[in-house]
């Protein structure tokens, strides 16, 4: 069972996400928070596998909370509505495992949670900063093949290493 804490300041959206994910047989919502500070407290108290957070919340933003939680074993998934310059790089630095759009279908969120639990990182291409993540067409193709399990492990390793190096490169 994948144990999850959800942090979202819009109560109706918090309830909707929780209800939809609770329908999944292998997912259990163990806590709900309305801001990043509450999310951090719940993660420390409940020790969930995953914390799903809204990017922009009162008291403490999702990015600030992710930064606090990056030393913990809890995997953080960030949800947002809009792409903002610099947020993708901040999410990477905070060790966010998923950076997704809120308007994706709920079954896609559930699938992303499972893949992140399997060790993958899932980032919506629409949210990536061009300066932070400037990869070639071939690297994009290998990423897609990797996500679909189609590329050879050695090829994937080589390209992912290259992509990882580019993510760490200073922007400027």
N, C-alpha and C. Protein backbone atom coordinates (compact mmCIF):
# COMPACT_ATOMS: atom_id res chain seq x y z
N UNK A 1 0.84 -1.18 0.00
CA UNK A 1 0.00 0.00 0.00
C UNK A 1 0.89 1.25 0.00
N UNK A 2 0.61 2.17 -0.91
CA UNK A 2 1.35 3.43 -0.99
C UNK A 2 0.61 4.45 -0.12
N UNK A 3 1.31 4.93 0.90
CA UNK A 3 0.72 5.87 1.85
C UNK A 3 1.05 7.30 1.42
N UNK A 4 0.01 8.16 1.36
CA UNK A 4 0.17 9.50 0.80
C UNK A 4 -0.40 10.58 1.71
N UNK A 5 0.33 11.69 1.78
CA UNK A 5 -0.16 12.94 2.36
C UNK A 5 -0.36 13.90 1.20
N UNK A 6 -1.49 14.61 1.20
CA UNK A 6 -1.77 15.59 0.15
C UNK A 6 -1.87 16.97 0.78
N UNK A 7 -1.21 17.95 0.16
CA UNK A 7 -1.28 19.34 0.61
C UNK A 7 -1.80 20.20 -0.53
N UNK A 8 -2.92 20.83 -0.30
CA UNK A 8 -3.58 21.68 -1.30
C UNK A 8 -4.43 22.68 -0.55
N UNK A 9 -4.26 23.97 -0.85
CA UNK A 9 -4.99 24.99 -0.10
C UNK A 9 -6.43 25.18 -0.56
N UNK A 10 -6.80 24.66 -1.70
CA UNK A 10 -8.19 24.75 -2.16
C UNK A 10 -8.92 23.48 -1.70
N UNK A 11 -9.80 23.64 -0.73
CA UNK A 11 -10.41 22.50 -0.06
C UNK A 11 -11.15 21.55 -1.02
N UNK A 12 -11.88 22.10 -1.98
CA UNK A 12 -12.61 21.24 -2.91
C UNK A 12 -11.65 20.38 -3.74
N UNK A 13 -10.56 20.98 -4.17
CA UNK A 13 -9.56 20.24 -4.95
C UNK A 13 -8.85 19.20 -4.07
N UNK A 14 -8.56 19.56 -2.84
CA UNK A 14 -7.95 18.62 -1.90
C UNK A 14 -8.84 17.39 -1.72
N UNK A 15 -10.13 17.62 -1.51
CA UNK A 15 -11.07 16.51 -1.33
C UNK A 15 -11.20 15.68 -2.60
N UNK A 16 -11.22 16.34 -3.77
CA UNK A 16 -11.36 15.63 -5.04
C UNK A 16 -10.15 14.72 -5.30
N UNK A 17 -8.96 15.26 -5.13
CA UNK A 17 -7.75 14.46 -5.35
C UNK A 17 -7.72 13.28 -4.38
N UNK A 18 -8.02 13.56 -3.12
CA UNK A 18 -8.02 12.50 -2.11
C UNK A 18 -9.02 11.40 -2.46
N UNK A 19 -10.23 11.80 -2.81
CA UNK A 19 -11.28 10.82 -3.14
C UNK A 19 -10.89 9.98 -4.35
N UNK A 20 -10.38 10.62 -5.38
CA UNK A 20 -9.99 9.88 -6.59
C UNK A 20 -8.85 8.90 -6.32
N UNK A 21 -7.85 9.34 -5.58
CA UNK A 21 -6.73 8.44 -5.29
C UNK A 21 -7.12 7.33 -4.33
N UNK A 22 -8.05 7.60 -3.42
CA UNK A 22 -8.51 6.55 -2.50
C UNK A 22 -9.25 5.43 -3.22
N UNK A 23 -9.70 5.67 -4.45
CA UNK A 23 -10.36 4.63 -5.24
C UNK A 23 -9.36 3.59 -5.75
N UNK A 24 -8.08 3.96 -5.76
CA UNK A 24 -7.04 3.04 -6.22
C UNK A 24 -6.78 1.99 -5.13
N UNK A 25 -6.69 0.73 -5.52
CA UNK A 25 -6.55 -0.37 -4.55
C UNK A 25 -5.22 -0.34 -3.79
N UNK A 26 -4.19 0.25 -4.39
CA UNK A 26 -2.87 0.22 -3.77
C UNK A 26 -2.44 1.57 -3.18
N UNK A 27 -3.39 2.50 -3.07
CA UNK A 27 -3.09 3.84 -2.56
C UNK A 27 -4.00 4.16 -1.38
N UNK A 28 -3.40 4.75 -0.33
CA UNK A 28 -4.16 5.16 0.84
C UNK A 28 -3.76 6.59 1.21
N UNK A 29 -4.75 7.47 1.31
CA UNK A 29 -4.48 8.85 1.75
C UNK A 29 -4.49 8.82 3.28
N UNK A 30 -3.35 9.15 3.87
CA UNK A 30 -3.22 9.08 5.33
C UNK A 30 -3.29 10.45 5.99
N UNK A 31 -3.18 11.52 5.18
CA UNK A 31 -3.24 12.86 5.76
C UNK A 31 -3.50 13.92 4.72
N UNK A 32 -4.12 15.02 5.16
CA UNK A 32 -4.41 16.15 4.29
C UNK A 32 -3.97 17.43 4.98
N UNK A 33 -3.38 18.33 4.19
CA UNK A 33 -2.91 19.60 4.72
C UNK A 33 -3.37 20.73 3.81
N UNK A 34 -3.52 21.92 4.39
CA UNK A 34 -3.96 23.07 3.59
C UNK A 34 -2.81 24.04 3.29
N UNK A 35 -1.61 23.72 3.77
CA UNK A 35 -0.44 24.54 3.45
C UNK A 35 0.83 23.71 3.64
N UNK A 36 1.94 24.26 3.21
CA UNK A 36 3.21 23.54 3.27
C UNK A 36 3.68 23.23 4.67
N UNK A 37 3.44 24.13 5.60
CA UNK A 37 3.85 23.91 6.98
C UNK A 37 3.12 22.71 7.58
N UNK A 38 1.81 22.63 7.33
CA UNK A 38 1.03 21.47 7.81
C UNK A 38 1.51 20.19 7.14
N UNK A 39 1.85 20.28 5.86
CA UNK A 39 2.34 19.11 5.13
C UNK A 39 3.63 18.57 5.75
N UNK A 40 4.55 19.47 6.06
CA UNK A 40 5.82 19.06 6.67
C UNK A 40 5.55 18.37 8.01
N UNK A 41 4.67 18.94 8.81
CA UNK A 41 4.34 18.35 10.12
C UNK A 41 3.72 16.96 9.94
N UNK A 42 2.80 16.82 8.98
CA UNK A 42 2.17 15.52 8.75
C UNK A 42 3.16 14.48 8.25
N UNK A 43 4.07 14.89 7.38
CA UNK A 43 5.07 13.95 6.87
C UNK A 43 5.96 13.47 8.02
N UNK A 44 6.37 14.36 8.89
CA UNK A 44 7.18 13.97 10.05
C UNK A 44 6.39 13.03 10.98
N UNK A 45 5.12 13.32 11.15
CA UNK A 45 4.29 12.53 12.06
C UNK A 45 3.88 11.18 11.48
N UNK A 46 3.44 11.17 10.21
CA UNK A 46 2.84 9.97 9.62
C UNK A 46 3.80 9.12 8.78
N UNK A 47 4.93 9.69 8.39
CA UNK A 47 5.93 8.97 7.58
C UNK A 47 5.33 8.31 6.33
N UNK A 48 4.66 9.10 5.48
CA UNK A 48 4.08 8.52 4.25
C UNK A 48 5.18 8.20 3.23
N UNK A 49 4.81 7.45 2.22
CA UNK A 49 5.73 7.15 1.12
C UNK A 49 5.86 8.34 0.19
N UNK A 50 4.73 9.07 0.02
CA UNK A 50 4.66 10.16 -0.95
C UNK A 50 3.93 11.34 -0.33
N UNK A 51 4.38 12.54 -0.67
CA UNK A 51 3.65 13.76 -0.32
C UNK A 51 3.38 14.50 -1.63
N UNK A 52 2.10 14.69 -1.93
CA UNK A 52 1.68 15.43 -3.12
C UNK A 52 1.35 16.84 -2.67
N UNK A 53 2.01 17.83 -3.27
CA UNK A 53 1.81 19.21 -2.83
C UNK A 53 1.52 20.16 -3.98
N UNK A 54 0.65 21.10 -3.69
CA UNK A 54 0.42 22.22 -4.58
C UNK A 54 1.68 23.09 -4.55
N UNK A 55 2.01 23.67 -5.66
CA UNK A 55 3.20 24.53 -5.74
C UNK A 55 3.03 25.78 -4.89
N UNK A 56 1.88 26.43 -5.03
CA UNK A 56 1.67 27.71 -4.36
C UNK A 56 0.60 27.58 -3.28
N UNK A 57 1.04 27.66 -2.03
CA UNK A 57 0.14 27.57 -0.89
C UNK A 57 0.50 28.66 0.11
N UNK A 58 -0.44 29.01 0.98
CA UNK A 58 -0.12 30.00 2.02
C UNK A 58 0.80 29.42 3.09
N UNK A 59 1.34 30.26 3.93
CA UNK A 59 2.21 29.95 5.06
C UNK A 59 3.57 29.45 4.58
N UNK A 60 3.60 28.34 3.83
CA UNK A 60 4.84 27.79 3.27
C UNK A 60 4.49 27.18 1.92
N UNK A 61 5.18 27.60 0.87
CA UNK A 61 4.88 27.09 -0.47
C UNK A 61 5.28 25.62 -0.58
N UNK A 62 4.80 24.98 -1.63
CA UNK A 62 5.18 23.60 -1.89
C UNK A 62 6.68 23.44 -2.09
N UNK A 63 7.29 24.39 -2.79
CA UNK A 63 8.74 24.33 -3.00
C UNK A 63 9.51 24.48 -1.69
N UNK A 64 9.05 25.38 -0.83
CA UNK A 64 9.71 25.54 0.47
C UNK A 64 9.57 24.27 1.31
N UNK A 65 8.38 23.69 1.28
CA UNK A 65 8.15 22.45 2.03
C UNK A 65 8.98 21.30 1.46
N UNK A 66 9.08 21.23 0.14
CA UNK A 66 9.89 20.18 -0.50
C UNK A 66 11.35 20.30 -0.09
N UNK A 67 11.82 21.53 0.01
CA UNK A 67 13.21 21.76 0.43
C UNK A 67 13.43 21.23 1.85
N UNK A 68 12.46 21.46 2.74
CA UNK A 68 12.55 20.97 4.12
C UNK A 68 12.52 19.44 4.15
N UNK A 69 11.73 18.84 3.25
CA UNK A 69 11.53 17.38 3.26
C UNK A 69 12.57 16.60 2.46
N UNK A 70 13.46 17.28 1.75
CA UNK A 70 14.35 16.56 0.84
C UNK A 70 15.28 15.57 1.53
N UNK A 71 15.54 15.74 2.80
CA UNK A 71 16.40 14.80 3.52
C UNK A 71 15.63 13.56 3.98
N UNK A 72 14.31 13.60 3.88
CA UNK A 72 13.49 12.47 4.34
C UNK A 72 13.30 11.46 3.20
N UNK A 73 12.84 10.29 3.55
CA UNK A 73 12.60 9.25 2.55
C UNK A 73 11.32 9.46 1.76
N UNK A 74 10.47 10.34 2.21
CA UNK A 74 9.21 10.63 1.53
C UNK A 74 9.48 11.25 0.16
N UNK A 75 8.84 10.71 -0.86
CA UNK A 75 9.00 11.23 -2.21
C UNK A 75 7.98 12.36 -2.42
N UNK A 76 8.44 13.50 -2.92
CA UNK A 76 7.56 14.64 -3.11
C UNK A 76 7.15 14.76 -4.58
N UNK A 77 5.85 14.95 -4.78
CA UNK A 77 5.30 15.22 -6.10
C UNK A 77 4.67 16.61 -6.03
N UNK A 78 5.09 17.49 -6.92
CA UNK A 78 4.59 18.85 -6.95
C UNK A 78 3.54 18.96 -8.04
N UNK A 79 2.40 19.57 -7.70
CA UNK A 79 1.33 19.84 -8.67
C UNK A 79 1.21 21.35 -8.86
N UNK A 80 1.00 21.75 -10.08
CA UNK A 80 0.84 23.18 -10.36
C UNK A 80 -0.08 23.38 -11.55
N UNK A 81 -0.57 24.59 -11.68
CA UNK A 81 -1.43 24.95 -12.80
C UNK A 81 -0.65 25.66 -13.89
N UNK A 82 0.35 26.45 -13.48
CA UNK A 82 1.07 27.29 -14.43
C UNK A 82 2.58 27.05 -14.38
N UNK A 83 3.21 27.20 -15.53
CA UNK A 83 4.66 27.14 -15.61
C UNK A 83 5.22 28.49 -15.21
N UNK A 84 6.17 28.49 -14.32
CA UNK A 84 6.84 29.72 -13.89
C UNK A 84 8.35 29.51 -14.06
N UNK A 85 9.02 30.49 -14.66
CA UNK A 85 10.47 30.38 -14.86
C UNK A 85 11.17 30.19 -13.52
N UNK A 86 12.10 29.26 -13.50
CA UNK A 86 12.90 29.00 -12.31
C UNK A 86 12.33 27.93 -11.40
N UNK A 87 11.03 27.66 -11.49
CA UNK A 87 10.43 26.67 -10.59
C UNK A 87 10.93 25.25 -10.87
N UNK A 88 11.14 24.92 -12.13
CA UNK A 88 11.62 23.57 -12.45
C UNK A 88 12.99 23.35 -11.83
N UNK A 89 13.88 24.31 -11.97
CA UNK A 89 15.22 24.19 -11.39
C UNK A 89 15.14 24.07 -9.87
N UNK A 90 14.27 24.86 -9.24
CA UNK A 90 14.08 24.79 -7.79
C UNK A 90 13.54 23.42 -7.38
N UNK A 91 12.63 22.89 -8.18
CA UNK A 91 12.07 21.56 -7.88
C UNK A 91 13.17 20.50 -7.95
N UNK A 92 14.03 20.60 -8.93
CA UNK A 92 15.14 19.65 -9.04
C UNK A 92 16.06 19.75 -7.83
N UNK A 93 16.37 20.97 -7.42
CA UNK A 93 17.26 21.17 -6.28
C UNK A 93 16.64 20.66 -4.98
N UNK A 94 15.30 20.68 -4.90
CA UNK A 94 14.60 20.20 -3.70
C UNK A 94 14.34 18.70 -3.76
N UNK A 95 14.89 18.03 -4.78
CA UNK A 95 14.74 16.59 -4.95
C UNK A 95 13.29 16.15 -5.16
N UNK A 96 12.51 17.01 -5.82
CA UNK A 96 11.12 16.68 -6.15
C UNK A 96 11.14 15.56 -7.18
N UNK A 97 10.39 14.50 -6.93
CA UNK A 97 10.39 13.32 -7.81
C UNK A 97 9.40 13.44 -8.95
N UNK A 98 8.37 14.27 -8.77
CA UNK A 98 7.37 14.49 -9.80
C UNK A 98 6.98 15.95 -9.83
N UNK A 99 6.86 16.50 -11.02
CA UNK A 99 6.47 17.90 -11.19
C UNK A 99 5.42 17.88 -12.30
N UNK A 100 4.14 17.94 -11.90
CA UNK A 100 3.05 17.64 -12.82
C UNK A 100 2.02 18.75 -12.88
N UNK A 101 1.30 18.78 -13.99
CA UNK A 101 0.20 19.73 -14.15
C UNK A 101 -1.05 19.22 -13.46
N UNK A 102 -1.79 20.12 -12.85
CA UNK A 102 -3.03 19.76 -12.16
C UNK A 102 -4.11 19.29 -13.13
N UNK A 103 -4.05 19.75 -14.36
CA UNK A 103 -5.13 19.40 -15.28
C UNK A 103 -4.94 18.05 -15.97
N UNK A 104 -3.95 17.27 -15.55
CA UNK A 104 -3.80 15.91 -16.07
C UNK A 104 -4.89 15.02 -15.50
N UNK A 105 -5.26 13.95 -16.20
CA UNK A 105 -6.28 13.03 -15.68
C UNK A 105 -5.81 12.35 -14.38
N UNK A 106 -6.76 12.01 -13.51
CA UNK A 106 -6.41 11.40 -12.22
C UNK A 106 -5.72 10.05 -12.38
N UNK A 107 -6.09 9.28 -13.41
CA UNK A 107 -5.43 7.99 -13.59
C UNK A 107 -3.96 8.19 -13.97
N UNK A 108 -3.65 9.31 -14.62
CA UNK A 108 -2.25 9.63 -14.94
C UNK A 108 -1.47 9.95 -13.66
N UNK A 109 -2.12 10.62 -12.71
CA UNK A 109 -1.48 10.91 -11.43
C UNK A 109 -1.20 9.61 -10.69
N UNK A 110 -2.17 8.72 -10.65
CA UNK A 110 -1.99 7.43 -9.97
C UNK A 110 -0.85 6.64 -10.61
N UNK A 111 -0.80 6.63 -11.93
CA UNK A 111 0.27 5.93 -12.65
C UNK A 111 1.63 6.57 -12.34
N UNK A 112 1.68 7.90 -12.30
CA UNK A 112 2.92 8.60 -11.98
C UNK A 112 3.39 8.27 -10.57
N UNK A 113 2.46 8.19 -9.63
CA UNK A 113 2.81 7.83 -8.25
C UNK A 113 3.47 6.46 -8.22
N UNK A 114 2.90 5.50 -8.91
CA UNK A 114 3.47 4.14 -8.94
C UNK A 114 4.86 4.14 -9.58
N UNK A 115 5.02 4.88 -10.66
CA UNK A 115 6.30 4.92 -11.34
C UNK A 115 7.36 5.61 -10.47
N UNK A 116 6.97 6.64 -9.74
CA UNK A 116 7.89 7.32 -8.83
C UNK A 116 8.27 6.38 -7.69
N UNK A 117 7.33 5.59 -7.21
CA UNK A 117 7.64 4.60 -6.17
C UNK A 117 8.62 3.55 -6.69
N UNK A 118 8.61 3.32 -7.99
CA UNK A 118 9.54 2.38 -8.61
C UNK A 118 10.91 3.01 -8.90
N UNK A 119 11.08 4.28 -8.50
CA UNK A 119 12.37 4.92 -8.65
C UNK A 119 12.49 5.92 -9.79
N UNK A 120 11.43 6.09 -10.56
CA UNK A 120 11.49 7.04 -11.67
C UNK A 120 11.23 8.46 -11.17
N UNK A 121 11.57 9.41 -12.01
CA UNK A 121 11.22 10.81 -11.80
C UNK A 121 10.32 11.19 -12.98
N UNK A 122 9.23 11.87 -12.69
CA UNK A 122 8.27 12.22 -13.73
C UNK A 122 8.11 13.75 -13.75
N UNK A 123 8.47 14.37 -14.87
CA UNK A 123 8.34 15.82 -15.02
C UNK A 123 7.52 16.12 -16.28
N UNK A 124 6.45 16.89 -16.12
CA UNK A 124 5.66 17.31 -17.29
C UNK A 124 6.52 18.19 -18.18
N UNK A 125 6.66 17.83 -19.45
CA UNK A 125 7.51 18.62 -20.35
C UNK A 125 7.10 20.10 -20.41
N UNK A 126 5.80 20.36 -20.27
CA UNK A 126 5.31 21.74 -20.35
C UNK A 126 5.83 22.61 -19.20
N UNK A 127 6.29 21.98 -18.11
CA UNK A 127 6.74 22.72 -16.94
C UNK A 127 8.24 22.94 -16.88
N UNK A 128 8.96 22.34 -17.78
CA UNK A 128 10.42 22.43 -17.74
C UNK A 128 10.91 23.74 -18.33
N UNK A 129 11.84 24.38 -17.66
CA UNK A 129 12.47 25.60 -18.16
C UNK A 129 13.44 25.23 -19.27
N UNK A 130 13.39 25.95 -20.36
CA UNK A 130 14.31 25.68 -21.47
C UNK A 130 15.76 25.86 -21.02
N UNK A 131 16.02 26.84 -20.20
CA UNK A 131 17.40 27.09 -19.74
C UNK A 131 17.90 25.98 -18.83
N UNK A 132 16.98 25.37 -18.06
CA UNK A 132 17.38 24.32 -17.13
C UNK A 132 17.49 22.97 -17.81
N UNK A 133 16.76 22.82 -18.88
CA UNK A 133 16.64 21.49 -19.46
C UNK A 133 16.63 21.59 -20.97
N UNK A 134 17.79 21.82 -21.55
CA UNK A 134 17.91 22.01 -22.98
C UNK A 134 18.51 20.73 -23.58
N UNK A 135 17.65 19.77 -23.93
CA UNK A 135 18.15 18.50 -24.44
C UNK A 135 17.89 18.36 -25.94
N UNK A 136 18.61 17.44 -26.54
CA UNK A 136 18.48 17.21 -27.98
C UNK A 136 17.24 16.37 -28.27
N UNK A 137 16.89 16.30 -29.55
CA UNK A 137 15.75 15.47 -29.96
C UNK A 137 15.99 14.01 -29.59
N UNK A 138 17.21 13.54 -29.78
CA UNK A 138 17.53 12.14 -29.47
C UNK A 138 17.37 11.86 -27.98
N UNK A 139 17.81 12.78 -27.12
CA UNK A 139 17.66 12.60 -25.69
C UNK A 139 16.18 12.54 -25.30
N UNK A 140 15.36 13.38 -25.94
CA UNK A 140 13.92 13.36 -25.67
C UNK A 140 13.32 12.02 -26.09
N UNK A 141 13.76 11.54 -27.24
CA UNK A 141 13.27 10.26 -27.74
C UNK A 141 13.65 9.12 -26.78
N UNK A 142 14.88 9.13 -26.29
CA UNK A 142 15.32 8.10 -25.35
C UNK A 142 14.53 8.19 -24.05
N UNK A 143 14.25 9.41 -23.60
CA UNK A 143 13.43 9.58 -22.39
C UNK A 143 12.07 8.92 -22.58
N UNK A 144 11.44 9.19 -23.71
CA UNK A 144 10.12 8.61 -23.98
C UNK A 144 10.22 7.08 -24.06
N UNK A 145 11.24 6.57 -24.75
CA UNK A 145 11.41 5.13 -24.86
C UNK A 145 11.65 4.51 -23.49
N UNK A 146 12.43 5.20 -22.67
CA UNK A 146 12.70 4.72 -21.32
C UNK A 146 11.42 4.62 -20.51
N UNK A 147 10.59 5.65 -20.60
CA UNK A 147 9.33 5.68 -19.86
C UNK A 147 8.42 4.54 -20.31
N UNK A 148 8.53 4.16 -21.58
CA UNK A 148 7.70 3.10 -22.11
C UNK A 148 8.39 1.74 -22.04
N UNK A 149 9.61 1.68 -21.51
CA UNK A 149 10.33 0.43 -21.37
C UNK A 149 10.84 -0.14 -22.68
N UNK A 150 11.10 0.70 -23.69
CA UNK A 150 11.47 0.21 -25.02
C UNK A 150 12.97 0.28 -25.33
N UNK A 151 13.72 1.10 -24.63
CA UNK A 151 15.14 1.27 -24.97
C UNK A 151 16.00 0.32 -24.15
N UNK A 152 17.16 -0.03 -24.70
CA UNK A 152 18.11 -0.89 -24.00
C UNK A 152 18.65 -0.17 -22.77
N UNK A 153 18.84 -0.88 -21.65
CA UNK A 153 19.31 -0.24 -20.42
C UNK A 153 20.61 0.54 -20.57
N UNK A 154 21.56 0.06 -21.35
CA UNK A 154 22.82 0.76 -21.54
C UNK A 154 22.63 2.10 -22.23
N UNK A 155 21.77 2.12 -23.25
CA UNK A 155 21.48 3.36 -23.98
C UNK A 155 20.80 4.35 -23.04
N UNK A 156 19.85 3.85 -22.29
CA UNK A 156 19.12 4.70 -21.34
C UNK A 156 20.09 5.30 -20.34
N UNK A 157 20.95 4.47 -19.77
CA UNK A 157 21.90 4.94 -18.77
C UNK A 157 22.79 6.06 -19.33
N UNK A 158 23.29 5.87 -20.56
CA UNK A 158 24.17 6.86 -21.17
C UNK A 158 23.44 8.19 -21.37
N UNK A 159 22.24 8.13 -21.94
CA UNK A 159 21.51 9.37 -22.19
C UNK A 159 21.02 10.02 -20.91
N UNK A 160 20.59 9.23 -19.95
CA UNK A 160 20.13 9.81 -18.69
C UNK A 160 21.29 10.47 -17.95
N UNK A 161 22.47 9.90 -18.06
CA UNK A 161 23.65 10.52 -17.46
C UNK A 161 23.92 11.87 -18.10
N UNK A 162 23.82 11.93 -19.43
CA UNK A 162 24.02 13.18 -20.15
C UNK A 162 22.97 14.22 -19.74
N UNK A 163 21.73 13.78 -19.67
CA UNK A 163 20.63 14.69 -19.28
C UNK A 163 20.85 15.18 -17.86
N UNK A 164 21.23 14.27 -16.98
CA UNK A 164 21.47 14.66 -15.57
C UNK A 164 22.58 15.70 -15.48
N UNK A 165 23.66 15.50 -16.25
CA UNK A 165 24.75 16.47 -16.26
C UNK A 165 24.26 17.84 -16.74
N UNK A 166 23.38 17.86 -17.75
CA UNK A 166 22.85 19.12 -18.25
C UNK A 166 21.97 19.79 -17.22
N UNK A 167 21.25 19.01 -16.43
CA UNK A 167 20.37 19.57 -15.40
C UNK A 167 21.19 20.27 -14.32
N UNK A 168 22.41 19.77 -14.07
CA UNK A 168 23.27 20.35 -13.05
C UNK A 168 24.09 21.52 -13.58
N UNK A 169 24.12 21.66 -14.90
CA UNK A 169 24.95 22.72 -15.51
C UNK A 169 24.42 24.09 -15.10
N UNK A 170 25.34 25.03 -14.84
CA UNK A 170 24.88 26.39 -14.47
C UNK A 170 24.19 27.04 -15.67
N UNK A 171 23.12 27.76 -15.37
CA UNK A 171 22.40 28.46 -16.44
C UNK A 171 22.94 29.87 -16.52
N UNK A 172 22.88 30.42 -17.73
CA UNK A 172 23.43 31.69 -17.69
C UNK A 172 23.40 32.62 -18.72
